[in-house]
């Protein structure tokens, strides 16, 4: 697979993680540099890993979950997004009770943003293309864009306050709905 194609695929897959990172940044809960690194790193690792799993599994596992993967993404993203929206409307409420770069929230976000990478890995297996370089590129691009989203969201959150948290939550819900609509249409 040529570099330009791999880069375009990586950018396309990284957009969900970028948008989620932007939303998390607006909430201001992943402020320390360590939390930003942890979040971006895990997004990149999950994207790489899911691409590899899709390629290794061939049609077996993707065939089993392809009917519901978009619904899983919707539920996970909507759960986090609705918490952010609720927090944005309530000045005393926090969308994340703890650091979203740890624990259950981190895993939910990583899985929700990397399900498409599983299908990309499958398609690469079907096309009989090499996987290692594209999978690593997908992870690096995702980590980079996630970092950018976290810093940009943080600045927007400082400038516009809780309104950005509402917008970030809406973005997550819209990404989930878009994922379902893309699969249904």
N, C-alpha and C. Protein backbone atom coordinates (compact mmCIF):
# COMPACT_ATOMS: atom_id res chain seq x y z
N UNK A 1 0.86 -1.17 0.00
CA UNK A 1 0.00 0.00 0.00
C UNK A 1 0.91 1.23 0.00
N UNK A 2 0.60 2.17 -0.84
CA UNK A 2 1.45 3.35 -0.95
C UNK A 2 1.24 4.31 0.23
N UNK A 3 2.23 5.16 0.45
CA UNK A 3 2.24 6.07 1.60
C UNK A 3 1.03 7.01 1.60
N UNK A 4 0.71 7.59 0.46
CA UNK A 4 -0.40 8.55 0.40
C UNK A 4 -1.72 7.89 0.80
N UNK A 5 -1.95 6.69 0.32
CA UNK A 5 -3.18 5.97 0.66
C UNK A 5 -3.21 5.65 2.15
N UNK A 6 -2.09 5.17 2.66
CA UNK A 6 -2.02 4.85 4.09
C UNK A 6 -2.26 6.09 4.94
N UNK A 7 -1.71 7.21 4.53
CA UNK A 7 -1.87 8.46 5.28
C UNK A 7 -3.33 8.92 5.26
N UNK A 8 -3.97 8.82 4.11
CA UNK A 8 -5.39 9.22 4.03
C UNK A 8 -6.26 8.32 4.91
N UNK A 9 -5.98 7.04 4.90
CA UNK A 9 -6.73 6.11 5.76
C UNK A 9 -6.50 6.47 7.22
N UNK A 10 -5.25 6.74 7.57
CA UNK A 10 -4.91 7.10 8.96
C UNK A 10 -5.63 8.37 9.38
N UNK A 11 -5.65 9.37 8.52
CA UNK A 11 -6.35 10.63 8.84
C UNK A 11 -7.85 10.40 9.02
N UNK A 12 -8.44 9.60 8.14
CA UNK A 12 -9.86 9.31 8.25
C UNK A 12 -10.21 8.60 9.55
N UNK A 13 -9.39 7.61 9.92
CA UNK A 13 -9.65 6.87 11.16
C UNK A 13 -9.41 7.73 12.40
N UNK A 14 -8.49 8.67 12.31
CA UNK A 14 -8.13 9.49 13.46
C UNK A 14 -9.15 10.58 13.77
N UNK A 15 -10.04 10.87 12.85
CA UNK A 15 -10.98 11.98 13.06
C UNK A 15 -11.91 11.77 14.25
N UNK A 16 -12.36 10.56 14.48
CA UNK A 16 -13.23 10.31 15.64
C UNK A 16 -12.45 10.56 16.93
N UNK A 17 -11.23 10.05 17.00
CA UNK A 17 -10.41 10.25 18.20
C UNK A 17 -10.09 11.74 18.39
N UNK A 18 -9.87 12.45 17.30
CA UNK A 18 -9.62 13.89 17.38
C UNK A 18 -10.84 14.60 17.96
N UNK A 19 -12.03 14.28 17.45
CA UNK A 19 -13.25 14.93 17.93
C UNK A 19 -13.50 14.61 19.40
N UNK A 20 -13.30 13.36 19.79
CA UNK A 20 -13.48 12.98 21.19
C UNK A 20 -12.47 13.73 22.06
N UNK A 21 -11.23 13.82 21.61
CA UNK A 21 -10.19 14.54 22.36
C UNK A 21 -10.54 16.01 22.49
N UNK A 22 -11.08 16.58 21.44
CA UNK A 22 -11.51 17.98 21.49
C UNK A 22 -12.57 18.16 22.57
N UNK A 23 -13.53 17.24 22.60
CA UNK A 23 -14.59 17.31 23.62
C UNK A 23 -14.05 17.15 25.03
N UNK A 24 -13.13 16.22 25.22
CA UNK A 24 -12.54 16.01 26.54
C UNK A 24 -11.73 17.23 26.95
N UNK A 25 -11.04 17.81 26.00
CA UNK A 25 -10.26 19.01 26.29
C UNK A 25 -11.12 20.15 26.77
N UNK A 26 -12.31 20.30 26.19
CA UNK A 26 -13.21 21.39 26.60
C UNK A 26 -13.66 21.22 28.04
N UNK A 27 -13.78 19.97 28.50
CA UNK A 27 -14.21 19.72 29.88
C UNK A 27 -13.11 20.06 30.88
N UNK A 28 -11.87 20.13 30.41
CA UNK A 28 -10.77 20.50 31.28
C UNK A 28 -10.39 19.44 32.30
N UNK A 29 -10.81 18.19 32.10
CA UNK A 29 -10.52 17.14 33.09
C UNK A 29 -9.25 16.36 32.78
N UNK A 30 -8.67 16.54 31.61
CA UNK A 30 -7.42 15.86 31.26
C UNK A 30 -6.34 16.92 31.12
N UNK A 31 -6.21 17.77 32.14
CA UNK A 31 -5.29 18.90 32.06
C UNK A 31 -3.83 18.56 32.21
N UNK A 32 -3.42 17.75 33.16
CA UNK A 32 -1.99 17.52 33.26
C UNK A 32 -1.45 16.90 31.96
N UNK A 33 -0.23 17.24 31.63
CA UNK A 33 0.39 16.70 30.41
C UNK A 33 0.39 15.18 30.43
N UNK A 34 0.56 14.59 31.59
CA UNK A 34 0.57 13.13 31.70
C UNK A 34 -0.77 12.53 31.28
N UNK A 35 -1.87 13.16 31.67
CA UNK A 35 -3.20 12.67 31.30
C UNK A 35 -3.42 12.82 29.79
N UNK A 36 -2.97 13.93 29.23
CA UNK A 36 -3.09 14.13 27.78
C UNK A 36 -2.30 13.06 27.03
N UNK A 37 -1.08 12.82 27.48
CA UNK A 37 -0.25 11.79 26.85
C UNK A 37 -0.91 10.43 26.96
N UNK A 38 -1.42 10.08 28.15
CA UNK A 38 -2.04 8.78 28.36
C UNK A 38 -3.23 8.58 27.43
N UNK A 39 -4.06 9.59 27.31
CA UNK A 39 -5.24 9.50 26.46
C UNK A 39 -4.84 9.35 24.98
N UNK A 40 -3.97 10.23 24.50
CA UNK A 40 -3.54 10.18 23.10
C UNK A 40 -2.82 8.87 22.80
N UNK A 41 -1.99 8.42 23.73
CA UNK A 41 -1.26 7.16 23.55
C UNK A 41 -2.23 5.99 23.42
N UNK A 42 -3.21 5.92 24.30
CA UNK A 42 -4.16 4.81 24.26
C UNK A 42 -5.02 4.85 23.00
N UNK A 43 -5.43 6.04 22.57
CA UNK A 43 -6.18 6.12 21.31
C UNK A 43 -5.34 5.56 20.17
N UNK A 44 -4.08 5.93 20.12
CA UNK A 44 -3.19 5.43 19.06
C UNK A 44 -2.97 3.93 19.15
N UNK A 45 -2.76 3.42 20.36
CA UNK A 45 -2.54 1.98 20.55
C UNK A 45 -3.79 1.20 20.15
N UNK A 46 -4.96 1.68 20.55
CA UNK A 46 -6.19 0.96 20.20
C UNK A 46 -6.43 0.98 18.69
N UNK A 47 -6.17 2.12 18.04
CA UNK A 47 -6.35 2.18 16.58
C UNK A 47 -5.41 1.19 15.90
N UNK A 48 -4.15 1.17 16.33
CA UNK A 48 -3.18 0.23 15.75
C UNK A 48 -3.61 -1.20 16.02
N UNK A 49 -3.95 -1.47 17.28
CA UNK A 49 -4.33 -2.83 17.67
C UNK A 49 -5.57 -3.33 16.95
N UNK A 50 -6.59 -2.49 16.84
CA UNK A 50 -7.82 -2.92 16.16
C UNK A 50 -7.57 -3.14 14.68
N UNK A 51 -6.70 -2.34 14.07
CA UNK A 51 -6.36 -2.56 12.67
C UNK A 51 -5.69 -3.92 12.51
N UNK A 52 -4.76 -4.23 13.40
CA UNK A 52 -4.06 -5.51 13.35
C UNK A 52 -5.00 -6.68 13.62
N UNK A 53 -5.89 -6.52 14.60
CA UNK A 53 -6.86 -7.58 14.90
C UNK A 53 -7.77 -7.83 13.70
N UNK A 54 -8.24 -6.76 13.07
CA UNK A 54 -9.08 -6.91 11.89
C UNK A 54 -8.36 -7.65 10.78
N UNK A 55 -7.10 -7.32 10.59
CA UNK A 55 -6.30 -7.97 9.54
C UNK A 55 -6.07 -9.44 9.89
N UNK A 56 -5.74 -9.72 11.16
CA UNK A 56 -5.48 -11.10 11.57
C UNK A 56 -6.74 -11.95 11.58
N UNK A 57 -7.83 -11.37 11.99
CA UNK A 57 -9.07 -12.13 12.12
C UNK A 57 -9.72 -12.42 10.78
N UNK A 58 -9.32 -11.66 9.76
CA UNK A 58 -9.95 -11.86 8.47
C UNK A 58 -11.44 -11.60 8.58
N UNK A 59 -12.21 -12.44 7.99
CA UNK A 59 -13.65 -12.21 8.00
C UNK A 59 -14.36 -12.84 9.19
N UNK A 60 -13.67 -13.61 10.01
CA UNK A 60 -14.31 -14.32 11.11
C UNK A 60 -14.95 -13.39 12.12
N UNK A 61 -14.14 -12.60 12.81
CA UNK A 61 -14.68 -11.77 13.89
C UNK A 61 -15.48 -10.58 13.36
N UNK A 62 -15.04 -10.00 12.26
CA UNK A 62 -15.76 -8.84 11.73
C UNK A 62 -17.14 -9.25 11.28
N UNK A 63 -17.27 -10.44 10.72
CA UNK A 63 -18.59 -10.93 10.32
C UNK A 63 -19.53 -11.08 11.50
N UNK A 64 -18.96 -11.42 12.64
CA UNK A 64 -19.78 -11.62 13.83
C UNK A 64 -20.26 -10.31 14.45
N UNK A 65 -19.42 -9.27 14.40
CA UNK A 65 -19.80 -8.02 15.06
C UNK A 65 -20.22 -6.91 14.11
N UNK A 66 -20.08 -7.12 12.81
CA UNK A 66 -20.37 -6.03 11.86
C UNK A 66 -21.83 -5.58 11.93
N UNK A 67 -22.70 -6.45 12.37
CA UNK A 67 -24.10 -6.08 12.48
C UNK A 67 -24.41 -5.18 13.66
N UNK A 68 -23.53 -5.15 14.65
CA UNK A 68 -23.79 -4.36 15.85
C UNK A 68 -22.70 -3.35 16.19
N UNK A 69 -21.57 -3.36 15.49
CA UNK A 69 -20.45 -2.49 15.88
C UNK A 69 -20.84 -1.02 15.90
N UNK A 70 -21.66 -0.60 14.95
CA UNK A 70 -22.08 0.80 14.90
C UNK A 70 -23.00 1.15 16.07
N UNK A 71 -23.81 0.19 16.52
CA UNK A 71 -24.67 0.44 17.68
C UNK A 71 -23.84 0.52 18.95
N UNK A 72 -22.82 -0.31 19.06
CA UNK A 72 -21.93 -0.26 20.22
C UNK A 72 -21.25 1.12 20.28
N UNK A 73 -20.75 1.59 19.15
CA UNK A 73 -20.10 2.90 19.10
C UNK A 73 -21.08 4.00 19.52
N UNK A 74 -22.33 3.92 19.03
CA UNK A 74 -23.33 4.92 19.39
C UNK A 74 -23.58 4.94 20.90
N UNK A 75 -23.77 3.78 21.50
CA UNK A 75 -24.06 3.71 22.93
C UNK A 75 -22.89 4.27 23.75
N UNK A 76 -21.67 3.87 23.41
CA UNK A 76 -20.51 4.32 24.17
C UNK A 76 -20.31 5.83 24.04
N UNK A 77 -20.38 6.35 22.81
CA UNK A 77 -20.18 7.78 22.60
C UNK A 77 -21.32 8.60 23.19
N UNK A 78 -22.55 8.10 23.06
CA UNK A 78 -23.70 8.82 23.62
C UNK A 78 -23.63 8.87 25.14
N UNK A 79 -23.19 7.79 25.75
CA UNK A 79 -23.05 7.76 27.21
C UNK A 79 -22.12 8.87 27.69
N UNK A 80 -20.95 8.94 27.09
CA UNK A 80 -19.98 9.97 27.49
C UNK A 80 -20.49 11.36 27.10
N UNK A 81 -21.04 11.49 25.89
CA UNK A 81 -21.53 12.78 25.41
C UNK A 81 -22.66 13.34 26.25
N UNK A 82 -23.60 12.51 26.64
CA UNK A 82 -24.72 12.96 27.46
C UNK A 82 -24.23 13.42 28.83
N UNK A 83 -23.25 12.72 29.39
CA UNK A 83 -22.67 13.18 30.66
C UNK A 83 -22.04 14.55 30.51
N UNK A 84 -21.37 14.80 29.38
CA UNK A 84 -20.75 16.11 29.15
C UNK A 84 -21.82 17.19 28.99
N UNK A 85 -22.88 16.89 28.26
CA UNK A 85 -23.96 17.86 28.05
C UNK A 85 -24.62 18.20 29.38
N UNK A 86 -24.92 17.18 30.16
CA UNK A 86 -25.54 17.40 31.47
C UNK A 86 -24.64 18.27 32.35
N UNK A 87 -23.36 18.00 32.32
CA UNK A 87 -22.41 18.79 33.10
C UNK A 87 -22.35 20.23 32.61
N UNK A 88 -22.46 20.43 31.30
CA UNK A 88 -22.41 21.77 30.74
C UNK A 88 -23.58 22.64 31.16
N UNK A 89 -24.73 22.03 31.37
CA UNK A 89 -25.91 22.78 31.80
C UNK A 89 -25.97 22.98 33.31
N UNK A 90 -25.22 22.20 34.05
CA UNK A 90 -25.22 22.29 35.50
C UNK A 90 -23.85 22.79 35.97
N UNK A 91 -23.75 24.02 36.46
CA UNK A 91 -22.45 24.58 36.83
C UNK A 91 -21.76 23.83 37.97
N UNK A 92 -22.51 23.09 38.77
CA UNK A 92 -21.91 22.37 39.89
C UNK A 92 -21.55 20.93 39.54
N UNK A 93 -21.87 20.50 38.34
CA UNK A 93 -21.67 19.11 37.94
C UNK A 93 -20.43 18.97 37.07
N UNK A 94 -19.74 17.88 37.22
CA UNK A 94 -18.58 17.55 36.38
C UNK A 94 -18.96 16.40 35.47
N UNK A 95 -18.59 16.49 34.17
CA UNK A 95 -18.91 15.41 33.24
C UNK A 95 -18.13 14.15 33.55
N UNK A 96 -16.94 14.31 34.08
CA UNK A 96 -16.12 13.17 34.47
C UNK A 96 -15.83 13.30 35.95
N UNK A 97 -16.21 12.29 36.72
CA UNK A 97 -15.94 12.31 38.15
C UNK A 97 -14.45 12.18 38.42
N UNK A 98 -13.74 11.61 37.47
CA UNK A 98 -12.31 11.45 37.62
C UNK A 98 -11.67 11.69 36.25
N UNK A 99 -10.40 11.49 36.18
CA UNK A 99 -9.62 11.69 34.98
C UNK A 99 -10.10 10.74 33.86
N UNK A 100 -10.57 11.27 32.71
CA UNK A 100 -11.05 10.39 31.63
C UNK A 100 -9.92 9.63 30.93
N UNK A 101 -8.69 9.88 31.33
CA UNK A 101 -7.57 9.16 30.73
C UNK A 101 -7.22 7.91 31.54
N UNK A 102 -8.13 7.50 32.41
CA UNK A 102 -7.92 6.31 33.24
C UNK A 102 -9.21 5.49 33.31
N UNK A 103 -9.03 4.22 33.57
CA UNK A 103 -10.13 3.35 33.92
C UNK A 103 -11.18 3.11 32.85
N UNK A 104 -12.41 2.96 33.32
CA UNK A 104 -13.53 2.56 32.47
C UNK A 104 -13.81 3.58 31.37
N UNK A 105 -13.78 4.85 31.70
CA UNK A 105 -14.05 5.87 30.69
C UNK A 105 -13.04 5.81 29.57
N UNK A 106 -11.78 5.64 29.91
CA UNK A 106 -10.73 5.52 28.90
C UNK A 106 -11.00 4.34 27.98
N UNK A 107 -11.34 3.20 28.56
CA UNK A 107 -11.60 2.00 27.74
C UNK A 107 -12.82 2.19 26.84
N UNK A 108 -13.88 2.79 27.38
CA UNK A 108 -15.08 3.04 26.58
C UNK A 108 -14.75 3.93 25.38
N UNK A 109 -14.01 4.99 25.62
CA UNK A 109 -13.66 5.92 24.54
C UNK A 109 -12.75 5.26 23.52
N UNK A 110 -11.77 4.50 23.98
CA UNK A 110 -10.84 3.83 23.05
C UNK A 110 -11.57 2.82 22.16
N UNK A 111 -12.44 2.03 22.74
CA UNK A 111 -13.18 1.05 21.94
C UNK A 111 -14.10 1.76 20.96
N UNK A 112 -14.83 2.76 21.44
CA UNK A 112 -15.79 3.46 20.58
C UNK A 112 -15.12 4.11 19.38
N UNK A 113 -13.93 4.66 19.57
CA UNK A 113 -13.26 5.37 18.47
C UNK A 113 -12.44 4.45 17.58
N UNK A 114 -12.26 3.20 17.96
CA UNK A 114 -11.40 2.33 17.16
C UNK A 114 -12.13 1.18 16.46
N UNK A 115 -13.44 1.12 16.57
CA UNK A 115 -14.18 0.04 15.91
C UNK A 115 -14.03 0.08 14.39
N UNK A 116 -13.96 1.27 13.81
CA UNK A 116 -13.79 1.37 12.36
C UNK A 116 -12.44 0.82 11.91
N UNK A 117 -11.43 0.91 12.78
CA UNK A 117 -10.11 0.39 12.44
C UNK A 117 -10.15 -1.12 12.25
N UNK A 118 -11.05 -1.79 12.96
CA UNK A 118 -11.22 -3.23 12.80
C UNK A 118 -11.65 -3.55 11.37
N UNK A 119 -12.61 -2.80 10.87
CA UNK A 119 -13.08 -3.01 9.49
C UNK A 119 -12.01 -2.66 8.47
N UNK A 120 -11.22 -1.62 8.75
CA UNK A 120 -10.13 -1.26 7.83
C UNK A 120 -9.11 -2.38 7.79
N UNK A 121 -8.78 -2.94 8.94
CA UNK A 121 -7.86 -4.08 8.96
C UNK A 121 -8.39 -5.25 8.17
N UNK A 122 -9.68 -5.51 8.28
CA UNK A 122 -10.29 -6.59 7.50
C UNK A 122 -10.16 -6.32 6.01
N UNK A 123 -10.46 -5.10 5.61
CA UNK A 123 -10.37 -4.79 4.18
C UNK A 123 -8.94 -4.90 3.67
N UNK A 124 -7.98 -4.57 4.50
CA UNK A 124 -6.58 -4.73 4.09
C UNK A 124 -6.23 -6.21 3.94
N UNK A 125 -6.81 -7.06 4.78
CA UNK A 125 -6.58 -8.50 4.66
C UNK A 125 -7.19 -9.03 3.37
N UNK A 126 -8.39 -8.56 3.07
CA UNK A 126 -9.08 -8.99 1.84
C UNK A 126 -8.29 -8.56 0.61
N UNK A 127 -7.71 -7.36 0.66
CA UNK A 127 -6.93 -6.84 -0.46
C UNK A 127 -5.50 -7.40 -0.49
N UNK A 128 -5.18 -8.19 0.53
CA UNK A 128 -3.85 -8.82 0.64
C UNK A 128 -2.73 -7.78 0.63
N UNK A 129 -2.92 -6.71 1.39
CA UNK A 129 -1.89 -5.68 1.50
C UNK A 129 -1.10 -5.89 2.80
N UNK A 130 0.07 -5.31 2.83
CA UNK A 130 0.86 -5.39 4.06
C UNK A 130 0.14 -4.59 5.14
N UNK A 131 0.41 -4.94 6.40
CA UNK A 131 -0.36 -4.32 7.48
C UNK A 131 0.49 -3.54 8.47
N UNK A 132 1.73 -3.94 8.68
CA UNK A 132 2.51 -3.36 9.77
C UNK A 132 2.70 -1.85 9.64
N UNK A 133 3.19 -1.38 8.51
CA UNK A 133 3.41 0.06 8.35
C UNK A 133 2.10 0.85 8.41
N UNK A 134 1.06 0.44 7.66
CA UNK A 134 -0.21 1.21 7.77
C UNK A 134 -0.78 1.22 9.18
N UNK A 135 -0.70 0.10 9.90
CA UNK A 135 -1.24 0.05 11.26
C UNK A 135 -0.47 0.99 12.19
N UNK A 136 0.86 1.00 12.07
CA UNK A 136 1.67 1.91 12.89
C UNK A 136 1.40 3.36 12.52
N UNK A 137 1.26 3.64 11.24
CA UNK A 137 0.96 5.00 10.80
C UNK A 137 -0.39 5.46 11.34
N UNK A 138 -1.37 4.57 11.31
CA UNK A 138 -2.70 4.89 11.86
C UNK A 138 -2.58 5.25 13.34
N UNK A 139 -1.80 4.50 14.09
CA UNK A 139 -1.63 4.78 15.51
C UNK A 139 -0.92 6.10 15.77
N UNK A 140 0.14 6.38 15.01
CA UNK A 140 0.91 7.61 15.20
C UNK A 140 0.06 8.83 14.85
N UNK A 141 -0.65 8.76 13.72
CA UNK A 141 -1.50 9.89 13.31
C UNK A 141 -2.62 10.10 14.33
N UNK A 142 -3.22 9.02 14.79
CA UNK A 142 -4.28 9.13 15.79
C UNK A 142 -3.77 9.77 17.08
N UNK A 143 -2.61 9.34 17.54
CA UNK A 143 -2.03 9.92 18.76
C UNK A 143 -1.75 11.41 18.56
N UNK A 144 -1.18 11.76 17.41
CA UNK A 144 -0.86 13.17 17.15
C UNK A 144 -2.10 14.04 17.09
N UNK A 145 -3.12 13.59 16.36
CA UNK A 145 -4.34 14.39 16.25
C UNK A 145 -5.11 14.43 17.58
N UNK A 146 -5.02 13.36 18.35
CA UNK A 146 -5.66 13.36 19.66
C UNK A 146 -5.01 14.38 20.58
N UNK A 147 -3.70 14.45 20.54
CA UNK A 147 -2.97 15.44 21.33
C UNK A 147 -3.38 16.85 20.92
N UNK A 148 -3.42 17.08 19.63
CA UNK A 148 -3.84 18.38 19.11
C UNK A 148 -5.26 18.71 19.58
N UNK A 149 -6.17 17.75 19.51
CA UNK A 149 -7.54 17.95 19.95
C UNK A 149 -7.64 18.26 21.43
N UNK A 150 -6.84 17.59 22.25
CA UNK A 150 -6.85 17.85 23.69
C UNK A 150 -6.40 19.27 24.01
N UNK A 151 -5.31 19.71 23.38
CA UNK A 151 -4.81 21.06 23.64
C UNK A 151 -5.77 22.13 23.09
N UNK A 152 -6.28 21.91 21.88
CA UNK A 152 -7.22 22.87 21.29
C UNK A 152 -8.50 22.95 22.12
N UNK A 153 -9.03 21.80 22.52
CA UNK A 153 -10.23 21.77 23.34
C UNK A 153 -10.03 22.45 24.68
N UNK A 154 -8.86 22.25 25.26
CA UNK A 154 -8.55 22.89 26.54
C UNK A 154 -8.59 24.41 26.40
N UNK A 155 -8.01 24.93 25.33
CA UNK A 155 -8.03 26.38 25.12
C UNK A 155 -9.44 26.89 24.87
N UNK A 156 -10.21 26.15 24.09
CA UNK A 156 -11.60 26.54 23.83
C UNK A 156 -12.40 26.52 25.13
N UNK A 157 -12.17 25.50 25.96
CA UNK A 157 -12.87 25.39 27.23
C UNK A 157 -12.55 26.56 28.16
N UNK A 158 -11.29 26.97 28.17
CA UNK A 158 -10.89 28.12 29.01
C UNK A 158 -11.53 29.40 28.50
N UNK A 159 -11.63 29.53 27.18
CA UNK A 159 -12.18 30.75 26.59
C UNK A 159 -13.69 30.82 26.71
N UNK A 160 -14.37 29.71 26.42
CA UNK A 160 -15.83 29.73 26.35
C UNK A 160 -16.52 29.00 27.50
N UNK A 161 -15.77 28.37 28.38
CA UNK A 161 -16.33 27.75 29.58
C UNK A 161 -17.22 26.56 29.30
N UNK A 162 -18.26 26.44 30.10
CA UNK A 162 -19.16 25.28 30.07
C UNK A 162 -19.87 25.11 28.74
N UNK A 163 -20.03 26.19 27.98
CA UNK A 163 -20.69 26.07 26.67
C UNK A 163 -19.92 25.11 25.77
N UNK A 164 -18.60 25.11 25.88
CA UNK A 164 -17.79 24.21 25.06
C UNK A 164 -17.97 22.76 25.49
N UNK A 165 -18.24 22.56 26.77
CA UNK A 165 -18.48 21.20 27.24
C UNK A 165 -19.78 20.66 26.64
N UNK A 166 -20.79 21.51 26.52
CA UNK A 166 -22.04 21.11 25.87
C UNK A 166 -21.78 20.78 24.42
N UNK A 167 -21.02 21.64 23.73
CA UNK A 167 -20.69 21.40 22.33
C UNK A 167 -19.89 20.11 22.17
N UNK A 168 -18.93 19.88 23.06
CA UNK A 168 -18.14 18.65 23.01
C UNK A 168 -19.02 17.42 23.17
N UNK A 169 -19.96 17.46 24.09
CA UNK A 169 -20.90 16.35 24.27
C UNK A 169 -21.77 16.13 23.06
N UNK A 170 -22.24 17.23 22.48
CA UNK A 170 -23.05 17.12 21.26
C UNK A 170 -22.24 16.50 20.12
N UNK A 171 -20.97 16.87 20.02
CA UNK A 171 -20.10 16.30 18.98
C UNK A 171 -20.00 14.79 19.15
N UNK A 172 -19.82 14.32 20.37
CA UNK A 172 -19.72 12.88 20.61
C UNK A 172 -21.00 12.16 20.21
N UNK A 173 -22.15 12.72 20.59
CA UNK A 173 -23.42 12.10 20.23
C UNK A 173 -23.60 12.09 18.71
N UNK A 174 -23.25 13.19 18.05
CA UNK A 174 -23.37 13.27 16.59
C UNK A 174 -22.46 12.25 15.91
N UNK A 175 -21.25 12.06 16.43
CA UNK A 175 -20.35 11.06 15.86
C UNK A 175 -20.98 9.67 15.98
N UNK A 176 -21.57 9.38 17.12
CA UNK A 176 -22.25 8.10 17.30
C UNK A 176 -23.41 7.90 16.34
N UNK A 177 -24.23 8.94 16.19
CA UNK A 177 -25.37 8.88 15.26
C UNK A 177 -24.87 8.75 13.82
N UNK A 178 -23.83 9.50 13.47
CA UNK A 178 -23.26 9.43 12.12
C UNK A 178 -22.75 8.02 11.83
N UNK A 179 -22.15 7.39 12.82
CA UNK A 179 -21.64 6.03 12.65
C UNK A 179 -22.78 5.08 12.32
N UNK A 180 -23.88 5.19 13.05
CA UNK A 180 -25.04 4.33 12.78
C UNK A 180 -25.62 4.62 11.41
N UNK A 181 -25.81 5.89 11.09
CA UNK A 181 -26.39 6.26 9.79
C UNK A 181 -25.51 5.80 8.63
N UNK A 182 -24.20 5.91 8.78
CA UNK A 182 -23.27 5.46 7.75
C UNK A 182 -23.43 3.97 7.49
N UNK A 183 -23.62 3.18 8.55
CA UNK A 183 -23.78 1.74 8.39
C UNK A 183 -25.16 1.35 7.87
N UNK A 184 -26.16 2.15 8.18
CA UNK A 184 -27.52 1.81 7.75
C UNK A 184 -27.80 2.24 6.32
N UNK A 185 -27.12 3.30 5.87
CA UNK A 185 -27.39 3.84 4.54
C UNK A 185 -26.52 3.23 3.49
